[in-house]
Amino acid sequence: MSSLTTVEQVPTSFGAFKPVGWLMVGLPTQVLADSLSKALQAAEWPSAAVLHFAPSDTEVELEAMADKAGAMAGFGYEITLLRRYVKLSKEGYRWLLVKVKSAEHAAEAAAIARSCDATVAVHYRRLTVEELL
């Protein structure tokens, strides 16, 4: 796990979760999250580039972000995704934030995530947010 240990330390825009340059990956179980972490390491992702968040780490913090998001965030897709993350966290989802260098790198990480049964993979780019799964 990297030095980023809480969701609060991840970048936001207008108070909404927006980790530009990262792929947010959701998995329904810890076994699948561990499997994805190992697969990313096998694909030469540095361990510091893969951040793990358990439901207990994310649910309260993401919900607080959603509640405190500025008025401008309400117009963007980011707030919709944030609310989706809160819902899935309440269902027990595990989250990995994967640092990516480019759209191609994000697509590679998403393909690995798909092979590990991830159900959510969202690439946060400077001006856009793209669902890859």
N, C-alpha and C. Protein backbone atom coordinates (compact mmCIF):
# COMPACT_ATOMS: atom_id res chain seq x y z
N MET A 1 0.84 -1.17 0.00
CA MET A 1 0.00 0.00 0.00
C MET A 1 0.89 1.23 0.00
N SER A 2 0.45 2.24 -0.67
CA SER A 2 1.20 3.48 -0.80
C SER A 2 1.03 4.37 0.42
N SER A 3 1.70 5.53 0.38
CA SER A 3 1.58 6.49 1.47
C SER A 3 0.20 7.13 1.52
N LEU A 4 -0.56 7.07 0.45
CA LEU A 4 -1.95 7.54 0.49
C LEU A 4 -2.74 6.46 1.20
N THR A 5 -3.21 6.75 2.38
CA THR A 5 -3.87 5.70 3.15
C THR A 5 -5.35 5.97 3.38
N THR A 6 -5.83 7.14 3.01
CA THR A 6 -7.25 7.39 3.15
C THR A 6 -7.79 8.02 1.89
N VAL A 7 -9.06 7.83 1.67
CA VAL A 7 -9.70 8.41 0.50
C VAL A 7 -9.61 9.93 0.57
N GLU A 8 -9.59 10.49 1.79
CA GLU A 8 -9.52 11.95 1.95
C GLU A 8 -8.27 12.54 1.30
N GLN A 9 -7.22 11.77 1.15
CA GLN A 9 -5.97 12.27 0.59
C GLN A 9 -5.95 12.22 -0.93
N VAL A 10 -6.97 11.68 -1.56
CA VAL A 10 -7.03 11.59 -3.00
C VAL A 10 -7.60 12.90 -3.54
N PRO A 11 -7.10 13.38 -4.68
CA PRO A 11 -7.55 14.66 -5.21
C PRO A 11 -9.06 14.74 -5.47
N THR A 12 -9.57 15.96 -5.29
CA THR A 12 -10.98 16.23 -5.54
C THR A 12 -11.11 17.44 -6.45
N SER A 13 -12.29 17.61 -7.01
CA SER A 13 -12.62 18.79 -7.79
C SER A 13 -14.00 19.25 -7.34
N PHE A 14 -14.11 20.48 -6.87
CA PHE A 14 -15.35 21.01 -6.30
C PHE A 14 -15.88 20.10 -5.19
N GLY A 15 -14.96 19.46 -4.48
CA GLY A 15 -15.34 18.60 -3.37
C GLY A 15 -15.70 17.19 -3.77
N ALA A 16 -15.76 16.90 -5.06
CA ALA A 16 -16.08 15.55 -5.53
C ALA A 16 -14.78 14.78 -5.77
N PHE A 17 -14.83 13.50 -5.55
CA PHE A 17 -13.71 12.58 -5.73
C PHE A 17 -13.26 12.64 -7.19
N LYS A 18 -12.01 13.02 -7.44
CA LYS A 18 -11.52 13.06 -8.81
C LYS A 18 -10.01 12.82 -8.84
N PRO A 19 -9.61 11.56 -8.75
CA PRO A 19 -8.18 11.23 -8.73
C PRO A 19 -7.60 11.14 -10.16
N VAL A 20 -7.31 12.29 -10.75
CA VAL A 20 -6.80 12.35 -12.11
C VAL A 20 -5.51 11.55 -12.22
N GLY A 21 -5.44 10.73 -13.28
CA GLY A 21 -4.28 9.89 -13.50
C GLY A 21 -4.37 8.53 -12.82
N TRP A 22 -5.55 8.22 -12.33
CA TRP A 22 -5.77 6.94 -11.63
C TRP A 22 -6.96 6.22 -12.24
N LEU A 23 -6.97 4.91 -12.06
CA LEU A 23 -8.08 4.05 -12.44
C LEU A 23 -8.70 3.54 -11.15
N MET A 24 -9.98 3.82 -10.94
CA MET A 24 -10.70 3.35 -9.75
C MET A 24 -11.33 2.02 -10.12
N VAL A 25 -10.98 0.97 -9.38
CA VAL A 25 -11.46 -0.38 -9.69
C VAL A 25 -12.22 -0.92 -8.49
N GLY A 26 -13.43 -1.42 -8.75
CA GLY A 26 -14.26 -2.00 -7.69
C GLY A 26 -14.43 -3.49 -7.87
N LEU A 27 -14.29 -4.20 -6.74
CA LEU A 27 -14.44 -5.66 -6.74
C LEU A 27 -15.30 -6.06 -5.55
N PRO A 28 -16.16 -7.05 -5.73
CA PRO A 28 -17.11 -7.40 -4.67
C PRO A 28 -16.53 -8.15 -3.48
N THR A 29 -15.31 -8.70 -3.59
CA THR A 29 -14.75 -9.46 -2.47
C THR A 29 -13.27 -9.14 -2.28
N GLN A 30 -12.79 -9.42 -1.08
CA GLN A 30 -11.37 -9.23 -0.78
C GLN A 30 -10.51 -10.21 -1.57
N VAL A 31 -10.99 -11.42 -1.77
CA VAL A 31 -10.23 -12.42 -2.54
C VAL A 31 -9.98 -11.90 -3.95
N LEU A 32 -11.00 -11.30 -4.58
CA LEU A 32 -10.83 -10.76 -5.93
C LEU A 32 -9.89 -9.55 -5.92
N ALA A 33 -9.99 -8.71 -4.90
CA ALA A 33 -9.10 -7.54 -4.79
C ALA A 33 -7.65 -8.01 -4.65
N ASP A 34 -7.41 -9.02 -3.83
CA ASP A 34 -6.06 -9.56 -3.67
C ASP A 34 -5.56 -10.16 -4.98
N SER A 35 -6.44 -10.84 -5.69
CA SER A 35 -6.09 -11.44 -6.97
C SER A 35 -5.68 -10.36 -7.98
N LEU A 36 -6.44 -9.28 -8.01
CA LEU A 36 -6.11 -8.18 -8.93
C LEU A 36 -4.79 -7.53 -8.54
N SER A 37 -4.58 -7.33 -7.27
CA SER A 37 -3.32 -6.73 -6.82
C SER A 37 -2.13 -7.57 -7.27
N LYS A 38 -2.24 -8.88 -7.11
CA LYS A 38 -1.16 -9.79 -7.54
C LYS A 38 -0.98 -9.75 -9.05
N ALA A 39 -2.09 -9.71 -9.79
CA ALA A 39 -2.01 -9.66 -11.25
C ALA A 39 -1.36 -8.37 -11.73
N LEU A 40 -1.66 -7.26 -11.07
CA LEU A 40 -1.03 -5.99 -11.44
C LEU A 40 0.47 -6.01 -11.13
N GLN A 41 0.83 -6.59 -10.00
CA GLN A 41 2.26 -6.71 -9.68
C GLN A 41 2.97 -7.59 -10.71
N ALA A 42 2.31 -8.66 -11.14
CA ALA A 42 2.88 -9.53 -12.16
C ALA A 42 3.05 -8.79 -13.49
N ALA A 43 2.19 -7.79 -13.72
CA ALA A 43 2.27 -6.98 -14.94
C ALA A 43 3.19 -5.77 -14.74
N GLU A 44 3.96 -5.81 -13.64
CA GLU A 44 4.99 -4.82 -13.33
C GLU A 44 4.47 -3.46 -12.89
N TRP A 45 3.28 -3.44 -12.27
CA TRP A 45 2.82 -2.21 -11.62
C TRP A 45 3.54 -2.14 -10.28
N PRO A 46 4.16 -1.02 -9.96
CA PRO A 46 4.81 -0.89 -8.65
C PRO A 46 3.77 -0.95 -7.53
N SER A 47 4.13 -1.52 -6.41
CA SER A 47 3.17 -1.63 -5.31
C SER A 47 2.68 -0.26 -4.85
N ALA A 48 3.51 0.78 -4.95
CA ALA A 48 3.10 2.13 -4.56
C ALA A 48 2.07 2.72 -5.52
N ALA A 49 1.88 2.09 -6.69
CA ALA A 49 0.93 2.58 -7.68
C ALA A 49 -0.42 1.88 -7.57
N VAL A 50 -0.59 1.05 -6.54
CA VAL A 50 -1.85 0.34 -6.33
C VAL A 50 -2.27 0.58 -4.88
N LEU A 51 -3.32 1.36 -4.69
CA LEU A 51 -3.81 1.69 -3.36
C LEU A 51 -5.06 0.86 -3.07
N HIS A 52 -5.13 0.28 -1.89
CA HIS A 52 -6.24 -0.58 -1.49
C HIS A 52 -7.13 0.16 -0.50
N PHE A 53 -8.45 0.03 -0.69
CA PHE A 53 -9.41 0.61 0.24
C PHE A 53 -10.49 -0.41 0.54
N ALA A 54 -10.65 -0.74 1.80
CA ALA A 54 -11.72 -1.65 2.24
C ALA A 54 -13.00 -0.84 2.41
N PRO A 55 -14.15 -1.52 2.45
CA PRO A 55 -15.41 -0.79 2.65
C PRO A 55 -15.38 0.11 3.88
N SER A 56 -14.77 -0.37 4.95
CA SER A 56 -14.72 0.44 6.18
C SER A 56 -13.87 1.70 5.98
N ASP A 57 -12.91 1.65 5.06
CA ASP A 57 -12.09 2.82 4.75
C ASP A 57 -12.84 3.83 3.88
N THR A 58 -13.72 3.33 3.04
CA THR A 58 -14.29 4.18 2.01
C THR A 58 -15.70 4.67 2.29
N GLU A 59 -16.52 3.85 2.87
CA GLU A 59 -17.94 4.19 2.97
C GLU A 59 -18.17 5.55 3.63
N VAL A 60 -17.65 5.74 4.81
CA VAL A 60 -17.89 6.99 5.54
C VAL A 60 -17.25 8.18 4.83
N GLU A 61 -16.00 8.01 4.39
CA GLU A 61 -15.30 9.12 3.74
C GLU A 61 -15.93 9.50 2.40
N LEU A 62 -16.29 8.51 1.59
CA LEU A 62 -16.92 8.81 0.31
C LEU A 62 -18.29 9.45 0.52
N GLU A 63 -19.02 8.96 1.49
CA GLU A 63 -20.34 9.52 1.77
C GLU A 63 -20.20 10.98 2.23
N ALA A 64 -19.20 11.26 3.05
CA ALA A 64 -18.96 12.64 3.50
C ALA A 64 -18.59 13.53 2.32
N MET A 65 -17.77 13.01 1.40
CA MET A 65 -17.42 13.77 0.20
C MET A 65 -18.66 14.08 -0.62
N ALA A 66 -19.53 13.09 -0.79
CA ALA A 66 -20.75 13.29 -1.57
C ALA A 66 -21.65 14.33 -0.92
N ASP A 67 -21.75 14.28 0.40
CA ASP A 67 -22.59 15.23 1.12
C ASP A 67 -22.03 16.64 1.08
N LYS A 68 -20.70 16.78 1.04
CA LYS A 68 -20.07 18.10 1.10
C LYS A 68 -19.68 18.64 -0.27
N ALA A 69 -19.93 17.89 -1.32
CA ALA A 69 -19.52 18.33 -2.66
C ALA A 69 -20.14 19.68 -2.98
N GLY A 70 -19.35 20.53 -3.61
CA GLY A 70 -19.82 21.85 -3.99
C GLY A 70 -20.92 21.79 -5.03
N ALA A 71 -21.57 22.92 -5.22
CA ALA A 71 -22.68 23.01 -6.18
C ALA A 71 -22.25 22.63 -7.59
N MET A 72 -21.03 23.01 -7.97
CA MET A 72 -20.55 22.69 -9.32
C MET A 72 -20.40 21.18 -9.52
N ALA A 73 -20.09 20.45 -8.48
CA ALA A 73 -19.92 19.00 -8.60
C ALA A 73 -21.22 18.33 -8.97
N GLY A 74 -22.33 18.91 -8.55
CA GLY A 74 -23.63 18.32 -8.84
C GLY A 74 -23.95 18.25 -10.32
N PHE A 75 -23.25 19.02 -11.11
CA PHE A 75 -23.49 19.02 -12.56
C PHE A 75 -22.63 18.01 -13.29
N GLY A 76 -21.67 17.41 -12.61
CA GLY A 76 -20.73 16.52 -13.27
C GLY A 76 -20.99 15.06 -13.03
N TYR A 77 -20.37 14.27 -13.87
CA TYR A 77 -20.49 12.82 -13.78
C TYR A 77 -19.77 12.30 -12.54
N GLU A 78 -18.76 13.06 -12.06
CA GLU A 78 -17.98 12.62 -10.91
C GLU A 78 -18.85 12.39 -9.68
N ILE A 79 -19.83 13.28 -9.45
CA ILE A 79 -20.68 13.12 -8.27
C ILE A 79 -21.58 11.89 -8.42
N THR A 80 -22.02 11.62 -9.63
CA THR A 80 -22.82 10.42 -9.89
C THR A 80 -22.00 9.17 -9.58
N LEU A 81 -20.74 9.17 -10.03
CA LEU A 81 -19.86 8.03 -9.74
C LEU A 81 -19.60 7.92 -8.24
N LEU A 82 -19.38 9.04 -7.59
CA LEU A 82 -19.12 9.03 -6.15
C LEU A 82 -20.29 8.40 -5.40
N ARG A 83 -21.50 8.76 -5.77
CA ARG A 83 -22.68 8.16 -5.13
C ARG A 83 -22.76 6.67 -5.41
N ARG A 84 -22.36 6.27 -6.60
CA ARG A 84 -22.33 4.83 -6.95
C ARG A 84 -21.30 4.11 -6.09
N TYR A 85 -20.13 4.72 -5.89
CA TYR A 85 -19.09 4.12 -5.05
C TYR A 85 -19.59 3.96 -3.61
N VAL A 86 -20.32 4.95 -3.12
CA VAL A 86 -20.87 4.86 -1.76
C VAL A 86 -21.81 3.68 -1.65
N LYS A 87 -22.71 3.54 -2.63
CA LYS A 87 -23.68 2.44 -2.63
C LYS A 87 -22.96 1.09 -2.65
N LEU A 88 -21.98 0.95 -3.52
CA LEU A 88 -21.25 -0.31 -3.63
C LEU A 88 -20.41 -0.58 -2.37
N SER A 89 -19.85 0.47 -1.78
CA SER A 89 -19.09 0.28 -0.53
C SER A 89 -19.99 -0.26 0.56
N LYS A 90 -21.24 0.21 0.61
CA LYS A 90 -22.19 -0.30 1.59
C LYS A 90 -22.52 -1.77 1.36
N GLU A 91 -22.34 -2.21 0.11
CA GLU A 91 -22.56 -3.62 -0.23
C GLU A 91 -21.30 -4.46 0.00
N GLY A 92 -20.22 -3.84 0.47
CA GLY A 92 -19.01 -4.58 0.79
C GLY A 92 -17.91 -4.53 -0.25
N TYR A 93 -18.05 -3.69 -1.27
CA TYR A 93 -17.03 -3.62 -2.31
C TYR A 93 -15.68 -3.19 -1.76
N ARG A 94 -14.64 -3.77 -2.37
CA ARG A 94 -13.27 -3.37 -2.12
C ARG A 94 -12.85 -2.50 -3.30
N TRP A 95 -11.97 -1.55 -3.04
CA TRP A 95 -11.55 -0.62 -4.08
C TRP A 95 -10.04 -0.60 -4.21
N LEU A 96 -9.59 -0.55 -5.44
CA LEU A 96 -8.18 -0.33 -5.73
C LEU A 96 -8.10 0.91 -6.61
N LEU A 97 -7.19 1.80 -6.26
CA LEU A 97 -6.85 2.92 -7.12
C LEU A 97 -5.52 2.54 -7.76
N VAL A 98 -5.49 2.55 -9.08
CA VAL A 98 -4.32 2.11 -9.82
C VAL A 98 -3.77 3.30 -10.61
N LYS A 99 -2.53 3.69 -10.33
CA LYS A 99 -1.90 4.80 -11.04
C LYS A 99 -1.62 4.38 -12.47
N VAL A 100 -2.04 5.22 -13.42
CA VAL A 100 -1.83 4.93 -14.84
C VAL A 100 -1.16 6.12 -15.52
N LYS A 101 -0.39 5.82 -16.56
CA LYS A 101 0.38 6.85 -17.25
C LYS A 101 -0.32 7.44 -18.46
N SER A 102 -1.28 6.68 -19.02
CA SER A 102 -1.93 7.09 -20.26
C SER A 102 -3.24 6.32 -20.41
N ALA A 103 -3.98 6.67 -21.45
CA ALA A 103 -5.23 5.96 -21.74
C ALA A 103 -4.94 4.49 -22.06
N GLU A 104 -3.85 4.23 -22.75
CA GLU A 104 -3.48 2.85 -23.09
C GLU A 104 -3.12 2.06 -21.83
N HIS A 105 -2.40 2.70 -20.93
CA HIS A 105 -2.02 2.07 -19.67
C HIS A 105 -3.27 1.77 -18.84
N ALA A 106 -4.24 2.70 -18.85
CA ALA A 106 -5.50 2.49 -18.14
C ALA A 106 -6.26 1.32 -18.75
N ALA A 107 -6.27 1.23 -20.08
CA ALA A 107 -6.96 0.13 -20.76
C ALA A 107 -6.31 -1.21 -20.40
N GLU A 108 -4.99 -1.22 -20.28
CA GLU A 108 -4.27 -2.44 -19.89
C GLU A 108 -4.67 -2.85 -18.47
N ALA A 109 -4.69 -1.88 -17.56
CA ALA A 109 -5.08 -2.17 -16.17
C ALA A 109 -6.54 -2.64 -16.11
N ALA A 110 -7.40 -2.03 -16.89
CA ALA A 110 -8.81 -2.43 -16.92
C ALA A 110 -8.97 -3.86 -17.45
N ALA A 111 -8.18 -4.22 -18.44
CA ALA A 111 -8.24 -5.60 -18.97
C ALA A 111 -7.81 -6.59 -17.90
N ILE A 112 -6.78 -6.25 -17.14
CA ILE A 112 -6.34 -7.12 -16.05
C ILE A 112 -7.45 -7.20 -15.00
N ALA A 113 -8.06 -6.04 -14.69
CA ALA A 113 -9.15 -6.00 -13.71
C ALA A 113 -10.32 -6.86 -14.17
N ARG A 114 -10.66 -6.79 -15.44
CA ARG A 114 -11.76 -7.60 -15.98
C ARG A 114 -11.45 -9.09 -15.81
N SER A 115 -10.21 -9.46 -16.04
CA SER A 115 -9.83 -10.87 -15.90
C SER A 115 -9.89 -11.34 -14.45
N CYS A 116 -9.91 -10.40 -13.52
CA CYS A 116 -10.02 -10.72 -12.08
C CYS A 116 -11.43 -10.46 -11.56
N ASP A 117 -12.40 -10.37 -12.46
CA ASP A 117 -13.81 -10.21 -12.13
C ASP A 117 -14.18 -8.88 -11.49
N ALA A 118 -13.42 -7.82 -11.79
CA ALA A 118 -13.82 -6.48 -11.36
C ALA A 118 -15.09 -6.10 -12.09
N THR A 119 -15.94 -5.34 -11.44
CA THR A 119 -17.19 -4.91 -12.08
C THR A 119 -17.21 -3.41 -12.36
N VAL A 120 -16.23 -2.69 -11.82
CA VAL A 120 -16.13 -1.25 -12.03
C VAL A 120 -14.67 -0.91 -12.33
N ALA A 121 -14.44 -0.11 -13.36
CA ALA A 121 -13.12 0.43 -13.64
C ALA A 121 -13.33 1.78 -14.32
N VAL A 122 -12.96 2.84 -13.63
CA VAL A 122 -13.19 4.20 -14.12
C VAL A 122 -11.85 4.92 -14.19
N HIS A 123 -11.53 5.42 -15.37
CA HIS A 123 -10.29 6.15 -15.60
C HIS A 123 -10.56 7.65 -15.45
N TYR A 124 -9.86 8.26 -14.52
CA TYR A 124 -9.98 9.70 -14.28
C TYR A 124 -8.89 10.42 -15.06
N ARG A 125 -9.33 11.15 -16.09
CA ARG A 125 -8.41 11.93 -16.91
C ARG A 125 -8.59 13.40 -16.56
N ARG A 126 -7.74 14.24 -17.09
CA ARG A 126 -7.79 15.66 -16.75
C ARG A 126 -9.16 16.28 -17.03
N LEU A 127 -9.70 16.05 -18.20
CA LEU A 127 -10.98 16.68 -18.57
C LEU A 127 -12.15 15.72 -18.66
N THR A 128 -11.88 14.44 -18.61
CA THR A 128 -12.95 13.46 -18.76
C THR A 128 -12.81 12.34 -17.73
N VAL A 129 -13.91 11.64 -17.57
CA VAL A 129 -13.95 10.44 -16.74
C VAL A 129 -14.53 9.36 -17.64
N GLU A 130 -13.84 8.22 -17.73
CA GLU A 130 -14.25 7.19 -18.67
C GLU A 130 -14.41 5.84 -17.97
N GLU A 131 -15.59 5.26 -18.12
CA GLU A 131 -15.81 3.90 -17.59
C GLU A 131 -15.22 2.92 -18.57
N LEU A 132 -14.36 2.05 -18.08
CA LEU A 132 -13.70 1.07 -18.94
C LEU A 132 -14.28 -0.33 -18.79
N LEU A 133 -15.14 -0.55 -17.79
CA LEU A 133 -15.84 -1.84 -17.63
C LEU A 133 -17.32 -1.55 -17.54
